[in-house]
PDB file of N, CA and C in Angstrom:
ATOM      1  N   MET A   1       0.649  -1.132  -0.307  1.00  0.00           N
ATOM      2  CA  MET A   1       0.166  -0.125   0.229  1.00  0.00           C
ATOM      3  C   MET A   1       0.703   1.250  -0.195  1.00  0.00           C
ATOM      4  N   VAL A   2       0.497   1.797  -0.979  1.00  0.00           N
ATOM      5  CA  VAL A   2       1.094   3.275  -1.013  1.00  0.00           C
ATOM      6  C   VAL A   2       0.282   4.537  -0.919  1.00  0.00           C
ATOM      7  N   VAL A   3       0.303   4.999   0.347  1.00  0.00           N
ATOM      8  CA  VAL A   3      -0.514   5.944   0.997  1.00  0.00           C
ATOM      9  C   VAL A   3      -0.134   7.184   0.802  1.00  0.00           C
ATOM     10  N   TYR A   4      -0.658   8.204   0.119  1.00  0.00           N
ATOM     11  CA  TYR A   4      -0.637   9.869   0.389  1.00  0.00           C
ATOM     12  C   TYR A   4      -1.591  10.588   0.882  1.00  0.00           C
ATOM     13  N   ASP A   5      -1.450  11.664   1.165  1.00  0.00           N
ATOM     14  CA  ASP A   5      -2.471  12.572   2.204  1.00  0.00           C
ATOM     15  C   ASP A   5      -2.724  13.332   1.340  1.00  0.00           C
ATOM     16  N   VAL A   6      -4.186  13.595   1.073  1.00  0.00           N
ATOM     17  CA  VAL A   6      -5.087  14.409  -0.134  1.00  0.00           C
ATOM     18  C   VAL A   6      -4.181  16.267   0.223  1.00  0.00           C
ATOM     19  N   SER A   7      -4.386  16.377   1.535  1.00  0.00           N
ATOM     20  CA  SER A   7      -4.295  17.708   1.985  1.00  0.00           C
ATOM     21  C   SER A   7      -2.677  18.202   2.118  1.00  0.00           C
ATOM     22  N   ASP A   8      -1.694  17.225   1.242  1.00  0.00           N
ATOM     23  CA  ASP A   8      -0.132  17.551   1.471  1.00  0.00           C
ATOM     24  C   ASP A   8       0.174  16.806   0.286  1.00  0.00           C
ATOM     25  N   GLU A   9       0.601  18.134  -0.663  1.00  0.00           N
ATOM     26  CA  GLU A   9       1.109  17.954  -2.048  1.00  0.00           C
ATOM     27  C   GLU A   9       2.017  16.903  -2.386  1.00  0.00           C
ATOM     28  N   LYS A  10       3.387  17.668  -0.934  1.00  0.00           N
ATOM     29  CA  LYS A  10       4.170  16.841  -1.289  1.00  0.00           C
ATOM     30  C   LYS A  10       4.265  15.428  -0.977  1.00  0.00           C
ATOM     31  N   SER A  11       3.486  14.903  -0.212  1.00  0.00           N
ATOM     32  CA  SER A  11       3.447  13.405  -0.049  1.00  0.00           C
ATOM     33  C   SER A  11       3.002  12.562  -1.463  1.00  0.00           C
ATOM     34  N   TYR A  12       2.098  13.511  -2.051  1.00  0.00           N
ATOM     35  CA  TYR A  12       1.362  13.226  -3.274  1.00  0.00           C
ATOM     36  C   TYR A  12       3.156  13.024  -4.241  1.00  0.00           C
ATOM     37  N   ILE A  13       3.662  14.096  -4.323  1.00  0.00           N
ATOM     38  CA  ILE A  13       4.617  13.936  -5.815  1.00  0.00           C
ATOM     39  C   ILE A  13       5.816  13.045  -4.818  1.00  0.00           C
ATOM     40  N   ASN A  14       5.973  12.555  -3.615  1.00  0.00           N
ATOM     41  CA  ASN A  14       6.732  11.549  -3.080  1.00  0.00           C
ATOM     42  C   ASN A  14       6.147  10.241  -3.807  1.00  0.00           C
ATOM     43  N   VAL A  15       5.146   9.639  -3.919  1.00  0.00           N
ATOM     44  CA  VAL A  15       4.542   8.534  -4.265  1.00  0.00           C
ATOM     45  C   VAL A  15       5.692   8.047  -5.617  1.00  0.00           C
ATOM     46  N   SER A  16       5.926   8.856  -6.383  1.00  0.00           N
ATOM     47  CA  SER A  16       7.005   8.059  -7.785  1.00  0.00           C
ATOM     48  C   SER A  16       8.247   7.912  -7.052  1.00  0.00           C
ATOM     49  N   LYS A  17       9.090   8.453  -5.842  1.00  0.00           N
ATOM     50  CA  LYS A  17      10.223   7.682  -5.404  1.00  0.00           C
ATOM     51  C   LYS A  17       9.873   6.533  -4.473  1.00  0.00           C
ATOM     52  N   TRP A  18       8.709   6.644  -3.845  1.00  0.00           N
ATOM     53  CA  TRP A  18       8.331   5.126  -3.039  1.00  0.00           C
ATOM     54  C   TRP A  18       7.997   4.211  -3.897  1.00  0.00           C
ATOM     55  N   MET A  19       7.525   4.234  -5.241  1.00  0.00           N
ATOM     56  CA  MET A  19       7.422   3.383  -6.585  1.00  0.00           C
ATOM     57  C   MET A  19       8.803   2.848  -6.764  1.00  0.00           C
ATOM     58  N   THR A  20       9.573   3.733  -6.571  1.00  0.00           N
ATOM     59  CA  THR A  20      10.674   3.410  -7.307  1.00  0.00           C
ATOM     60  C   THR A  20      11.194   2.359  -6.401  1.00  0.00           C
ATOM     61  N   LYS A  21      11.379   2.796  -4.848  1.00  0.00           N
ATOM     62  CA  LYS A  21      11.776   2.221  -3.803  1.00  0.00           C
ATOM     63  C   LYS A  21      11.287   0.824  -4.229  1.00  0.00           C
ATOM     64  N   ILE A  22      10.323   0.776  -4.058  1.00  0.00           N
ATOM     65  CA  ILE A  22       9.321  -1.038  -3.876  1.00  0.00           C
ATOM     66  C   ILE A  22      10.344  -1.254  -4.832  1.00  0.00           C
ATOM     67  N   LYS A  23      10.277  -1.668  -6.071  1.00  0.00           N
ATOM     68  CA  LYS A  23      10.657  -1.911  -7.400  1.00  0.00           C
ATOM     69  C   LYS A  23      11.887  -2.549  -7.215  1.00  0.00           C
ATOM     70  N   GLU A  24      12.762  -1.294  -6.787  1.00  0.00           N
ATOM     71  CA  GLU A  24      13.942  -1.797  -6.457  1.00  0.00           C
ATOM     72  C   GLU A  24      14.316  -3.195  -5.488  1.00  0.00           C
ATOM     73  N   ASN A  25      13.228  -3.005  -4.201  1.00  0.00           N
ATOM     74  CA  ASN A  25      13.582  -3.683  -3.117  1.00  0.00           C
ATOM     75  C   ASN A  25      12.464  -4.753  -3.233  1.00  0.00           C
ATOM     76  N   THR A  26      11.922  -5.297  -3.896  1.00  0.00           N
ATOM     77  CA  THR A  26      11.078  -6.111  -3.786  1.00  0.00           C
ATOM     78  C   THR A  26      10.933  -6.765  -5.108  1.00  0.00           C
ATOM     79  N   GLY A  27      10.133  -8.268  -5.057  1.00  0.00           N
ATOM     80  CA  GLY A  27       9.933  -8.734  -5.803  1.00  0.00           C
ATOM     81  C   GLY A  27       9.250  -8.274  -7.311  1.00  0.00           C
ATOM     82  N   LYS A  28       9.616  -9.240  -8.166  1.00  0.00           N
ATOM     83  CA  LYS A  28       9.013  -8.881  -9.517  1.00  0.00           C
ATOM     84  C   LYS A  28       7.537  -8.226  -9.742  1.00  0.00           C
ATOM     85  N   ASN A  29       6.910  -9.521  -9.077  1.00  0.00           N
ATOM     86  CA  ASN A  29       5.220  -9.146  -8.944  1.00  0.00           C
ATOM     87  C   ASN A  29       4.564  -8.939  -7.969  1.00  0.00           C
ATOM     88  N   VAL A  30       4.961  -7.917  -7.238  1.00  0.00           N
ATOM     89  CA  VAL A  30       4.437  -7.222  -5.822  1.00  0.00           C
ATOM     90  C   VAL A  30       3.209  -6.700  -6.038  1.00  0.00           C
ATOM     91  N   ASN A  31       2.135  -6.902  -5.297  1.00  0.00           N
ATOM     92  CA  ASN A  31       0.623  -6.152  -5.279  1.00  0.00           C
ATOM     93  C   ASN A  31       1.101  -5.201  -5.300  1.00  0.00           C
ATOM     94  N   LYS A  32       0.414  -3.938  -5.396  1.00  0.00           N
ATOM     95  CA  LYS A  32       0.486  -2.644  -5.116  1.00  0.00           C
ATOM     96  C   LYS A  32      -0.963  -1.791  -4.938  1.00  0.00           C
ATOM     97  N   ILE A  33      -1.452  -0.936  -4.377  1.00  0.00           N
ATOM     98  CA  ILE A  33      -2.558  -0.112  -4.386  1.00  0.00           C
ATOM     99  C   ILE A  33      -1.955   1.553  -4.291  1.00  0.00           C
ATOM    100  N   LEU A  34      -2.763   2.293  -4.904  1.00  0.00           N
ATOM    101  CA  LEU A  34      -2.551   3.357  -4.504  1.00  0.00           C
ATOM    102  C   LEU A  34      -3.571   4.083  -3.045  1.00  0.00           C
ATOM    103  N   ILE A  35      -3.488   4.860  -2.241  1.00  0.00           N
ATOM    104  CA  ILE A  35      -4.076   5.352  -1.642  1.00  0.00           C
ATOM    105  C   ILE A  35      -3.971   6.608  -1.211  1.00  0.00           C
ATOM    106  N   ALA A  36      -5.198   7.086  -1.041  1.00  0.00           N
ATOM    107  CA  ALA A  36      -5.498   8.615  -0.868  1.00  0.00           C
ATOM    108  C   ALA A  36      -6.037   8.906   0.205  1.00  0.00           C
ATOM    109  N   ASN A  37      -5.255   8.833   0.951  1.00  0.00           N
ATOM    110  CA  ASN A  37      -6.104   9.250   2.665  1.00  0.00           C
ATOM    111  C   ASN A  37      -6.200  10.603   3.134  1.00  0.00           C
ATOM    112  N   LYS A  38      -7.215  10.680   3.859  1.00  0.00           N
ATOM    113  CA  LYS A  38      -7.914  12.340   4.270  1.00  0.00           C
ATOM    114  C   LYS A  38      -8.967  12.679   3.750  1.00  0.00           C
ATOM    115  N   CYS A  39      -9.149  11.909   3.207  1.00  0.00           N
ATOM    116  CA  CYS A  39     -10.337  12.352   1.838  1.00  0.00           C
ATOM    117  C   CYS A  39     -11.614  13.233   2.462  1.00  0.00           C
ATOM    118  N   ASP A  40     -11.694  12.962   3.881  1.00  0.00           N
ATOM    119  CA  ASP A  40     -12.374  13.483   4.970  1.00  0.00           C
ATOM    120  C   ASP A  40     -12.324  15.644   5.119  1.00  0.00           C
ATOM    121  N   LEU A  41     -10.973  15.795   4.557  1.00  0.00           N
ATOM    122  CA  LEU A  41     -10.667  16.747   4.766  1.00  0.00           C
ATOM    123  C   LEU A  41     -10.588  17.522   3.344  1.00  0.00           C
ATOM    124  N   GLU A  42     -12.025  17.654   2.671  1.00  0.00           N
ATOM    125  CA  GLU A  42     -12.184  18.354   1.706  1.00  0.00           C
ATOM    126  C   GLU A  42     -11.608  19.871   1.351  1.00  0.00           C
ATOM    127  N   LYS A  43     -11.988  20.693   2.513  1.00  0.00           N
ATOM    128  CA  LYS A  43     -11.652  21.626   2.326  1.00  0.00           C
ATOM    129  C   LYS A  43     -10.231  22.072   2.515  1.00  0.00           C
ATOM    130  N   LYS A  44      -9.465  20.601   3.005  1.00  0.00           N
ATOM    131  CA  LYS A  44      -7.376  21.324   2.921  1.00  0.00           C
ATOM    132  C   LYS A  44      -7.154  20.392   1.522  1.00  0.00           C
ATOM    133  N   ARG A  45      -7.964  20.021   0.914  1.00  0.00           N
ATOM    134  CA  ARG A  45      -7.658  18.920   0.236  1.00  0.00           C
ATOM    135  C   ARG A  45      -6.852  19.785  -1.093  1.00  0.00           C
ATOM    136  N   LYS A  46      -5.245  19.354  -1.631  1.00  0.00           N
ATOM    137  CA  LYS A  46      -4.684  19.975  -2.603  1.00  0.00           C
ATOM    138  C   LYS A  46      -4.499  19.449  -3.766  1.00  0.00           C
ATOM    139  N   VAL A  47      -4.739  17.943  -3.149  1.00  0.00           N
ATOM    140  CA  VAL A  47      -4.751  16.845  -4.727  1.00  0.00           C
ATOM    141  C   VAL A  47      -5.992  16.512  -5.188  1.00  0.00           C
ATOM    142  N   THR A  48      -6.294  16.694  -6.121  1.00  0.00           N
ATOM    143  CA  THR A  48      -7.873  16.507  -6.354  1.00  0.00           C
ATOM    144  C   THR A  48      -7.930  14.874  -6.728  1.00  0.00           C
ATOM    145  N   LYS A  49      -8.992  14.209  -6.810  1.00  0.00           N
ATOM    146  CA  LYS A  49      -9.408  12.734  -7.208  1.00  0.00           C
ATOM    147  C   LYS A  49      -8.843  12.497  -8.713  1.00  0.00           C
ATOM    148  N   GLU A  50      -9.061  13.226  -9.138  1.00  0.00           N
ATOM    149  CA  GLU A  50      -8.659  13.062 -10.495  1.00  0.00           C
ATOM    150  C   GLU A  50      -7.231  12.972 -11.153  1.00  0.00           C
ATOM    151  N   ARG A  51      -6.495  13.716 -10.061  1.00  0.00           N
ATOM    152  CA  ARG A  51      -4.787  13.677 -10.182  1.00  0.00           C
ATOM    153  C   ARG A  51      -4.671  12.112  -9.543  1.00  0.00           C
ATOM    154  N   GLY A  52      -4.942  11.667  -8.246  1.00  0.00           N
ATOM    155  CA  GLY A  52      -4.774  10.805  -8.051  1.00  0.00           C
ATOM    156  C   GLY A  52      -5.255   9.342  -8.788  1.00  0.00           C
ATOM    157  N   GLU A  53      -6.348   9.414  -9.203  1.00  0.00           N
ATOM    158  CA  GLU A  53      -6.921   8.429 -10.307  1.00  0.00           C
ATOM    159  C   GLU A  53      -5.870   8.226 -11.348  1.00  0.00           C
ATOM    160  N   SER A  54      -5.805   9.169 -11.942  1.00  0.00           N
ATOM    161  CA  SER A  54      -4.581   9.528 -13.353  1.00  0.00           C
ATOM    162  C   SER A  54      -3.473   9.039 -12.775  1.00  0.00           C
ATOM    163  N   LEU A  55      -2.408   9.218 -11.302  1.00  0.00           N
ATOM    164  CA  LEU A  55      -1.224   8.581 -11.138  1.00  0.00           C
ATOM    165  C   LEU A  55      -1.178   7.171 -11.114  1.00  0.00           C
ATOM    166  N   ALA A  56      -2.638   6.782 -10.855  1.00  0.00           N
ATOM    167  CA  ALA A  56      -2.755   5.329 -10.361  1.00  0.00           C
ATOM    168  C   ALA A  56      -2.785   4.377 -11.686  1.00  0.00           C
ATOM    169  N   ALA A  57      -3.501   5.104 -12.695  1.00  0.00           N
ATOM    170  CA  ALA A  57      -3.517   4.554 -14.246  1.00  0.00           C
ATOM    171  C   ALA A  57      -2.419   4.553 -14.663  1.00  0.00           C
ATOM    172  N   ASP A  58      -1.132   5.513 -14.475  1.00  0.00           N
ATOM    173  CA  ASP A  58      -0.131   5.536 -15.221  1.00  0.00           C
ATOM    174  C   ASP A  58       1.207   4.639 -14.616  1.00  0.00           C
ATOM    175  N   LEU A  59       0.343   4.001 -13.275  1.00  0.00           N
ATOM    176  CA  LEU A  59       0.973   3.100 -12.262  1.00  0.00           C
ATOM    177  C   LEU A  59       0.526   1.680 -12.691  1.00  0.00           C
ATOM    178  N   GLU A  60      -0.279   1.789 -13.222  1.00  0.00           N
ATOM    179  CA  GLU A  60      -1.280   0.458 -13.652  1.00  0.00           C
ATOM    180  C   GLU A  60      -1.333   0.040 -12.175  1.00  0.00           C
ATOM    181  N   ILE A  61      -2.051   0.426 -11.402  1.00  0.00           N
ATOM    182  CA  ILE A  61      -2.375  -0.097 -10.062  1.00  0.00           C
ATOM    183  C   ILE A  61      -3.470   0.382  -9.541  1.00  0.00           C
ATOM    184  N   PRO A  62      -4.721  -0.216  -9.026  1.00  0.00           N
ATOM    185  CA  PRO A  62      -5.931  -0.099  -8.217  1.00  0.00           C
ATOM    186  C   PRO A  62      -5.090   1.668  -7.271  1.00  0.00           C
ATOM    187  N   TYR A  63      -6.568   1.826  -7.218  1.00  0.00           N
ATOM    188  CA  TYR A  63      -6.662   3.752  -6.509  1.00  0.00           C
ATOM    189  C   TYR A  63      -7.739   3.454  -5.178  1.00  0.00           C
ATOM    190  N   VAL A  64      -8.027   3.777  -4.565  1.00  0.00           N
ATOM    191  CA  VAL A  64      -8.689   3.874  -3.222  1.00  0.00           C
ATOM    192  C   VAL A  64      -8.366   5.484  -2.668  1.00  0.00           C
ATOM    193  N   GLU A  65      -9.759   6.229  -2.278  1.00  0.00           N
ATOM    194  CA  GLU A  65      -9.436   7.034  -1.507  1.00  0.00           C
ATOM    195  C   GLU A  65     -10.820   6.836  -0.482  1.00  0.00           C
ATOM    196  N   MET A  66      -9.442   7.471   0.837  1.00  0.00           N
ATOM    197  CA  MET A  66     -10.051   6.810   2.152  1.00  0.00           C
ATOM    198  C   MET A  66     -10.199   7.623   3.278  1.00  0.00           C
ATOM    199  N   SER A  67     -10.842   7.453   4.304  1.00  0.00           N
ATOM    200  CA  SER A  67     -10.216   8.462   5.752  1.00  0.00           C
ATOM    201  C   SER A  67     -10.166   7.690   6.936  1.00  0.00           C
ATOM    202  N   ALA A  68      -8.914   7.489   7.428  1.00  0.00           N
ATOM    203  CA  ALA A  68      -8.416   6.734   8.112  1.00  0.00           C
ATOM    204  C   ALA A  68      -9.329   6.899   9.700  1.00  0.00           C
ATOM    205  N   LEU A  69      -9.796   8.408   9.392  1.00  0.00           N
ATOM    206  CA  LEU A  69     -10.436   8.981  10.718  1.00  0.00           C
ATOM    207  C   LEU A  69     -11.713   8.464  10.835  1.00  0.00           C
ATOM    208  N   SER A  70     -12.575   8.781   9.693  1.00  0.00           N
ATOM    209  CA  SER A  70     -14.211   7.842   9.509  1.00  0.00           C
ATOM    210  C   SER A  70     -14.177   7.051   9.152  1.00  0.00           C
ATOM    211  N   SER A  71     -13.317   6.222   9.264  1.00  0.00           N
ATOM    212  CA  SER A  71     -13.109   4.501   8.723  1.00  0.00           C
ATOM    213  C   SER A  71     -13.604   4.415   7.079  1.00  0.00           C
ATOM    214  N   SER A  72     -13.520   5.056   6.520  1.00  0.00           N
ATOM    215  CA  SER A  72     -13.960   4.863   5.279  1.00  0.00           C
ATOM    216  C   SER A  72     -13.446   4.710   4.278  1.00  0.00           C
ATOM    217  N   ASN A  73     -13.777   3.536   3.566  1.00  0.00           N
ATOM    218  CA  ASN A  73     -13.009   2.702   2.750  1.00  0.00           C
ATOM    219  C   ASN A  73     -11.791   2.215   2.994  1.00  0.00           C
ATOM    220  N   ILE A  74     -11.480   1.558   3.841  1.00  0.00           N
ATOM    221  CA  ILE A  74     -10.267   0.949   4.712  1.00  0.00           C
ATOM    222  C   ILE A  74     -11.100  -0.196   4.233  1.00  0.00           C
ATOM    223  N   ASP A  75     -12.091  -0.727   4.552  1.00  0.00           N
ATOM    224  CA  ASP A  75     -12.319  -2.108   4.165  1.00  0.00           C
ATOM    225  C   ASP A  75     -11.713  -2.358   2.543  1.00  0.00           C
ATOM    226  N   GLU A  76     -12.413  -1.024   1.563  1.00  0.00           N
ATOM    227  CA  GLU A  76     -12.306  -1.551   0.241  1.00  0.00           C
ATOM    228  C   GLU A  76     -11.087  -1.056  -0.366  1.00  0.00           C
ATOM    229  N   ALA A  77     -10.195  -0.798   0.383  1.00  0.00           N
ATOM    230  CA  ALA A  77      -8.493  -0.751   0.058  1.00  0.00           C
ATOM    231  C   ALA A  77      -7.843  -2.452   0.133  1.00  0.00           C
ATOM    232  N   PHE A  78      -8.151  -2.365   1.545  1.00  0.00           N
ATOM    233  CA  PHE A  78      -7.644  -4.194   1.713  1.00  0.00           C
ATOM    234  C   PHE A  78      -8.622  -5.042   0.837  1.00  0.00           C
ATOM    235  N   ILE A  79      -9.684  -5.474   0.985  1.00  0.00           N
ATOM    236  CA  ILE A  79      -9.909  -6.013  -0.546  1.00  0.00           C
ATOM    237  C   ILE A  79      -9.923  -6.020  -1.616  1.00  0.00           C
ATOM    238  N   ILE A  80      -9.935  -5.001  -2.094  1.00  0.00           N
ATOM    239  CA  ILE A  80      -8.637  -4.901  -3.346  1.00  0.00           C
ATOM    240  C   ILE A  80      -7.675  -5.911  -3.445  1.00  0.00           C
ATOM    241  N   LEU A  81      -6.889  -5.020  -2.802  1.00  0.00           N
ATOM    242  CA  LEU A  81      -5.414  -5.697  -2.796  1.00  0.00           C
ATOM    243  C   LEU A  81      -4.824  -7.472  -1.824  1.00  0.00           C
ATOM    244  N   THR A  82      -6.011  -7.800  -1.288  1.00  0.00           N
ATOM    245  CA  THR A  82      -6.247  -9.524  -1.309  1.00  0.00           C
ATOM    246  C   THR A  82      -6.721  -9.687  -2.214  1.00  0.00           C
ATOM    247  N   ARG A  83      -7.408  -9.235  -3.259  1.00  0.00           N
ATOM    248  CA  ARG A  83      -8.354  -9.823  -4.240  1.00  0.00           C
ATOM    249  C   ARG A  83      -7.282 -10.216  -5.474  1.00  0.00           C
ATOM    250  N   ASP A  84      -6.206  -8.856  -5.514  1.00  0.00           N
ATOM    251  CA  ASP A  84      -5.408  -8.814  -6.356  1.00  0.00           C
ATOM    252  C   ASP A  84      -4.551  -9.914  -6.423  1.00  0.00           C
ATOM    253  N   ILE A  85      -3.862  -9.954  -4.833  1.00  0.00           N
ATOM    254  CA  ILE A  85      -3.008 -10.678  -4.527  1.00  0.00           C
ATOM    255  C   ILE A  85      -3.372 -12.787  -4.695  1.00  0.00           C
ATOM    256  N   LEU A  86      -4.350 -12.767  -4.700  1.00  0.00           N
ATOM    257  CA  LEU A  86      -4.856 -14.085  -4.167  1.00  0.00           C
ATOM    258  C   LEU A  86      -5.404 -14.587  -5.881  1.00  0.00           C
ATOM    259  N   ASN A  87      -5.538 -13.378  -7.110  1.00  0.00           N
ATOM    260  CA  ASN A  87      -5.807 -13.697  -8.532  1.00  0.00           C
ATOM    261  C   ASN A  87      -4.151 -13.816  -8.616  1.00  0.00           C
ATOM    262  N   ARG A  88      -3.082 -13.440  -8.313  1.00  0.00           N
ATOM    263  CA  ARG A  88      -1.817 -13.902  -8.646  1.00  0.00           C
ATOM    264  C   ARG A  88      -1.574 -14.774  -8.222  1.00  0.00           C
ATOM    265  N   VAL A  89      -1.781 -15.155  -6.892  1.00  0.00           N
ATOM    266  CA  VAL A  89      -1.463 -16.368  -6.806  1.00  0.00           C
ATOM    267  C   VAL A  89      -1.881 -17.910  -7.389  1.00  0.00           C
ATOM    268  N   LEU A  90      -3.290 -17.352  -7.631  1.00  0.00           N
ATOM    269  CA  LEU A  90      -3.534 -18.590  -8.540  1.00  0.00           C
ATOM    270  C   LEU A  90      -3.558 -18.539  -9.983  1.00  0.00           C
ATOM    271  N   ARG A  91      -3.068 -17.334 -10.713  1.00  0.00           N
ATOM    272  CA  ARG A  91      -2.537 -17.561 -12.021  1.00  0.00           C
ATOM    273  C   ARG A  91      -1.183 -18.086 -11.926  1.00  0.00           C
ATOM    274  N   TYR A  92      -0.383 -17.233 -11.149  1.00  0.00           N
ATOM    275  CA  TYR A  92       1.153 -17.843 -11.417  1.00  0.00           C
ATOM    276  C   TYR A  92       1.591 -19.164 -10.235  1.00  0.00           C
ATOM    277  N   GLY A  93       1.072 -18.982  -9.136  1.00  0.00           N
ATOM    278  CA  GLY A  93       1.254 -20.839  -8.155  1.00  0.00           C
ATOM    279  C   GLY A  93       1.736 -20.221  -7.056  1.00  0.00           C
ATOM    280  N   ASP A  94       2.400 -20.861  -6.144  1.00  0.00           N
ATOM    281  CA  ASP A  94       2.618 -20.413  -4.927  1.00  0.00           C
ATOM    282  C   ASP A  94       4.036 -20.391  -5.191  1.00  0.00           C
ATOM    283  N   ASP A  95       5.073 -20.642  -5.746  1.00  0.00           N
ATOM    284  CA  ASP A  95       6.015 -20.029  -5.793  1.00  0.00           C
ATOM    285  C   ASP A  95       6.543 -19.012  -6.444  1.00  0.00           C
ATOM    286  N   GLU A  96       5.891 -18.049  -7.181  1.00  0.00           N
ATOM    287  CA  GLU A  96       5.858 -16.952  -7.185  1.00  0.00           C
ATOM    288  C   GLU A  96       5.890 -16.045  -5.810  1.00  0.00           C
ATOM    289  N   LEU A  97       4.618 -16.411  -5.626  1.00  0.00           N
ATOM    290  CA  LEU A  97       4.591 -15.763  -3.700  1.00  0.00           C
ATOM    291  C   LEU A  97       5.366 -15.989  -2.598  1.00  0.00           C
ATOM    292  N   ALA A  98       5.971 -17.331  -3.034  1.00  0.00           N
ATOM    293  CA  ALA A  98       7.106 -17.490  -1.954  1.00  0.00           C
ATOM    294  C   ALA A  98       8.328 -16.590  -2.051  1.00  0.00           C
ATOM    295  N   GLN A  99       9.106 -16.579  -3.594  1.00  0.00           N
ATOM    296  CA  GLN A  99       9.947 -16.003  -4.347  1.00  0.00           C
ATOM    297  C   GLN A  99       9.673 -14.694  -3.521  1.00  0.00           C
ATOM    298  N   SER A 100       8.423 -13.968  -3.636  1.00  0.00           N
ATOM    299  CA  SER A 100       8.021 -12.273  -3.682  1.00  0.00           C
ATOM    300  C   SER A 100       8.460 -12.197  -2.228  1.00  0.00           C
ATOM    301  N   LEU A 101       7.961 -12.969  -1.078  1.00  0.00           N
ATOM    302  CA  LEU A 101       8.107 -12.695   0.152  1.00  0.00           C
ATOM    303  C   LEU A 101       9.496 -12.911   0.685  1.00  0.00           C
ATOM    304  N   GLY A 102      10.257 -13.965   0.301  1.00  0.00           N
ATOM    305  CA  GLY A 102      11.655 -14.292   0.529  1.00  0.00           C
ATOM    306  C   GLY A 102      12.498 -12.911   0.202  1.00  0.00           C
ATOM    307  N   LYS A 103      12.034 -12.133  -0.699  1.00  0.00           N
ATOM    308  CA  LYS A 103      13.091 -11.219  -1.024  1.00  0.00           C
ATOM    309  C   LYS A 103      12.464 -10.392  -0.118  1.00  0.00           C
ATOM    310  N   GLN A 104      11.215 -10.049  -0.053  1.00  0.00           N
ATOM    311  CA  GLN A 104      11.137  -8.747   0.951  1.00  0.00           C
ATOM    312  C   GLN A 104      11.537  -9.069   2.235  1.00  0.00           C
ATOM    313  N   ARG A 105      11.391  -9.725   2.587  1.00  0.00           N
ATOM    314  CA  ARG A 105      11.729 -10.373   3.897  1.00  0.00           C
ATOM    315  C   ARG A 105      13.430  -9.975   3.879  1.00  0.00           C
ATOM    316  N   LEU A 106      14.190 -10.744   3.265  1.00  0.00           N
ATOM    317  CA  LEU A 106      15.749 -10.156   2.798  1.00  0.00           C
ATOM    318  C   LEU A 106      15.825  -8.785   2.847  1.00  0.00           C
ATOM    319  N   ASP A 107      15.047  -7.969   2.026  1.00  0.00           N
ATOM    320  CA  ASP A 107      15.711  -6.593   1.937  1.00  0.00           C
ATOM    321  C   ASP A 107      15.024  -5.586   2.926  1.00  0.00           C
ATOM    322  N   THR A 108      13.912  -6.211   3.761  1.00  0.00           N
ATOM    323  CA  THR A 108      13.301  -5.634   4.898  1.00  0.00           C
ATOM    324  C   THR A 108      14.262  -5.450   6.102  1.00  0.00           C
ATOM    325  N   SER A 109      15.009  -6.416   5.900  1.00  0.00           N
ATOM    326  CA  SER A 109      15.606  -7.046   7.605  1.00  0.00           C
ATOM    327  C   SER A 109      16.864  -6.085   7.034  1.00  0.00           C
ATOM    328  N   THR A 110      17.408  -5.443   5.980  1.00  0.00           N
ATOM    329  CA  THR A 110      18.819  -4.860   5.943  1.00  0.00           C
ATOM    330  C   THR A 110      18.173  -3.107   5.377  1.00  0.00           C
ATOM    331  N   LYS A 111      16.892  -2.739   5.295  1.00  0.00           N
ATOM    332  CA  LYS A 111      16.667  -1.135   4.738  1.00  0.00           C
ATOM    333  C   LYS A 111      16.295  -0.642   5.753  1.00  0.00           C
ATOM    334  N   SER A 112      15.667   0.700   5.862  1.00  0.00           N
ATOM    335  CA  SER A 112      15.519   1.241   6.490  1.00  0.00           C
ATOM    336  C   SER A 112      14.236   1.320   6.194  1.00  0.00           C
ATOM    337  N   CYS A 113      12.845   1.428   6.849  1.00  0.00           N
ATOM    338  CA  CYS A 113      11.150   1.858   6.501  1.00  0.00           C
ATOM    339  C   CYS A 113      10.994   2.293   5.161  1.00  0.00           C
ATOM    340  N   MET A 114       9.569   2.715   4.169  1.00  0.00           N
ATOM    341  CA  MET A 114       9.285   3.272   3.549  1.00  0.00           C
ATOM    342  C   MET A 114       9.252   4.679   4.305  1.00  0.00           C
ATOM    343  N   SER A 115       8.810   5.193   5.412  1.00  0.00           N
ATOM    344  CA  SER A 115       8.227   6.119   5.504  1.00  0.00           C
ATOM    345  C   SER A 115       9.452   7.041   6.271  1.00  0.00           C
ATOM    346  N   CYS A 116      10.558   6.558   6.438  1.00  0.00           N
ATOM    347  CA  CYS A 116      11.971   7.403   6.877  1.00  0.00           C
ATOM    348  C   CYS A 116      12.457   7.693   6.252  1.00  0.00           C
TER     349      CYS A 116
END
């Protein structure tokens, strides 16, 4: 899950950098989803829904607007990501998933977290 704050332009701009880091540090077929958080702060919004949808389309990943504060669309984000992971495992088998998870475990033990 790549999450940016709709009221913070800088967090939106950082999405491309985070996606590059994900690509560098994970397996080839890691499922991703772009989450626009704080959609309840409509008056403070700096990143439009259209810009988020456009970025997700460019990245070829699903997009969800949510609010952690009001619990809006949190379930939807997890359902979409879980469905995509399940579809990938069914399509490519468990070996693909095991390779992806093995690479993630190796990389995360030696690198800092994505938000640091």
